[in-house]
Structures are given as C-alpha cells and as structure tokens.
Protein backbone atom coordinates (compact mmCIF):
# COMPACT_ATOMS: atom_id res chain seq x y z
CA UNK A 1 -64.61 65.23 88.71
CA UNK A 2 -65.13 61.76 87.26
CA UNK A 3 -62.55 59.09 86.44
CA UNK A 4 -61.82 60.24 82.88
CA UNK A 5 -61.34 63.84 84.05
CA UNK A 6 -59.00 62.58 86.78
CA UNK A 7 -56.98 60.61 84.21
CA UNK A 8 -56.65 63.74 82.05
CA UNK A 9 -55.53 65.75 85.08
CA UNK A 10 -52.91 63.13 85.96
CA UNK A 11 -51.69 63.13 82.37
CA UNK A 12 -51.25 66.91 82.42
CA UNK A 13 -49.45 66.74 85.78
CA UNK A 14 -47.04 64.07 84.52
CA UNK A 15 -46.10 66.24 81.54
CA UNK A 16 -46.27 66.14 77.78
CA UNK A 17 -44.33 62.85 77.52
CA UNK A 18 -47.02 60.93 79.45
CA UNK A 19 -49.75 59.21 77.51
CA UNK A 20 -53.36 58.86 78.56
CA UNK A 21 -52.78 55.11 78.92
CA UNK A 22 -49.82 55.75 81.25
CA UNK A 23 -51.94 58.05 83.42
CA UNK A 24 -54.78 55.52 83.48
CA UNK A 25 -52.38 52.74 84.51
CA UNK A 26 -50.91 54.93 87.27
CA UNK A 27 -54.38 55.66 88.67
CA UNK A 28 -55.38 51.99 88.50
CA UNK A 29 -52.17 50.98 90.31
CA UNK A 30 -52.76 53.49 93.13
CA UNK A 31 -56.39 52.46 93.60
CA UNK A 32 -55.48 48.76 93.57
CA UNK A 33 -52.74 49.27 96.16
CA UNK A 34 -55.09 51.24 98.43
CA UNK A 35 -57.71 48.48 98.16
CA UNK A 36 -55.15 45.77 98.96
CA UNK A 37 -53.76 47.78 101.87
CA UNK A 38 -57.18 48.34 103.42
CA UNK A 39 -58.05 44.65 102.99
CA UNK A 40 -54.75 43.46 104.49
CA UNK A 41 -54.05 45.98 107.26
CA UNK A 42 -57.45 47.59 107.78
CA UNK A 43 -55.98 51.05 107.27
CA UNK A 44 -54.04 53.05 104.65
CA UNK A 45 -52.70 56.41 105.81
CA UNK A 46 -51.46 58.97 103.28
CA UNK A 47 -49.78 61.78 105.20
CA UNK A 48 -51.08 65.15 104.00
CA UNK A 49 -54.09 63.59 102.25
CA UNK A 50 -56.08 61.34 104.59
CA UNK A 51 -56.77 57.85 105.89
CA UNK A 52 -58.80 55.00 104.41
CA UNK A 53 -60.02 52.69 107.16
CA UNK A 54 -62.31 49.68 107.56
CA UNK A 55 -65.36 50.55 109.66
CA UNK A 56 -67.78 48.06 111.17
CA UNK A 57 -71.54 48.58 111.05
CA UNK A 58 -73.54 46.86 113.76
CA UNK A 59 -76.64 44.81 113.01
CA UNK A 60 -79.77 46.92 113.27
CA UNK A 61 -83.46 47.04 112.51
CA UNK A 62 -84.63 48.87 109.41
CA UNK A 63 -87.72 49.21 107.26
CA UNK A 64 -88.44 47.94 103.79
CA UNK A 65 -89.14 51.19 101.89
CA UNK A 66 -91.61 49.49 99.58
CA UNK A 67 -93.81 47.80 102.19
CA UNK A 68 -92.87 49.60 105.41
CA UNK A 69 -92.30 46.22 107.06
CA UNK A 70 -89.60 46.01 109.76
CA UNK A 71 -86.56 43.94 108.80
CA UNK A 72 -83.22 43.02 110.32
CA UNK A 73 -80.11 44.41 108.59
CA UNK A 74 -77.00 42.26 109.08
CA UNK A 75 -73.72 43.60 110.47
CA UNK A 76 -71.29 44.62 107.73
CA UNK A 77 -67.97 46.26 107.01
CA UNK A 78 -67.35 49.33 104.87
CA UNK A 79 -64.45 51.63 104.02
CA UNK A 80 -64.42 55.14 105.42
CA UNK A 81 -62.20 58.09 104.52
CA UNK A 82 -61.06 60.75 106.92
CA UNK A 83 -59.40 63.79 105.33
CA UNK A 84 -56.20 65.16 106.85
CA UNK A 85 -56.07 68.62 108.34
CA UNK A 86 -53.87 69.73 105.42
CA UNK A 87 -56.54 68.68 102.92
CA UNK A 88 -59.33 70.24 104.98
CA UNK A 89 -57.35 73.48 105.27
CA UNK A 90 -56.87 73.70 101.50
CA UNK A 91 -60.63 73.61 100.78
C-alpha cells in the first residue's frame, strides 16, 4: 500500500462526508506528530499498534562497493518500529 492508497482507505473509513483532502490532512497530522514525538521524547508508543523509537548505530568499518576500499562509517541515529503483539497476532 502506498500513500495515495492509504489516503483513500482513510477516506473510506471516515465515511462518505469526508473528502480526500480531509483524509490527506489527517494522515499528514498523524505522521507529523509521530515525527515530533520521536524527536522530542525518543519514543512514541501506540498501544495495540507498536512503538517508534530512536536507535543508535555505532561507528563501524565498511567497504566502498565501487572500489572495495575499506572506509569508516560514522555513528548515526535512526528510527525503528517494533510492532505490538496485537498487530503481530492479526497478521
């Protein structure tokens, strides 16, 4: 499912009075709030769905795929998602 299909699904769930623009705005608001929450608190937990959490990657050695030369990869942060048991059970 891509973003436009998700917007259509949200629109159908909201009912016939909801417009596509309304569904798109709702999705954008949820995604923006999740991003702000992860940035501020490091974790956003949605009971019954899952948890978005900042994860740290340590510095490591890697290889340049083009030349095969060894190179150092800097430490970084990323966002991980862990599905809840309810979501896993519904699959």
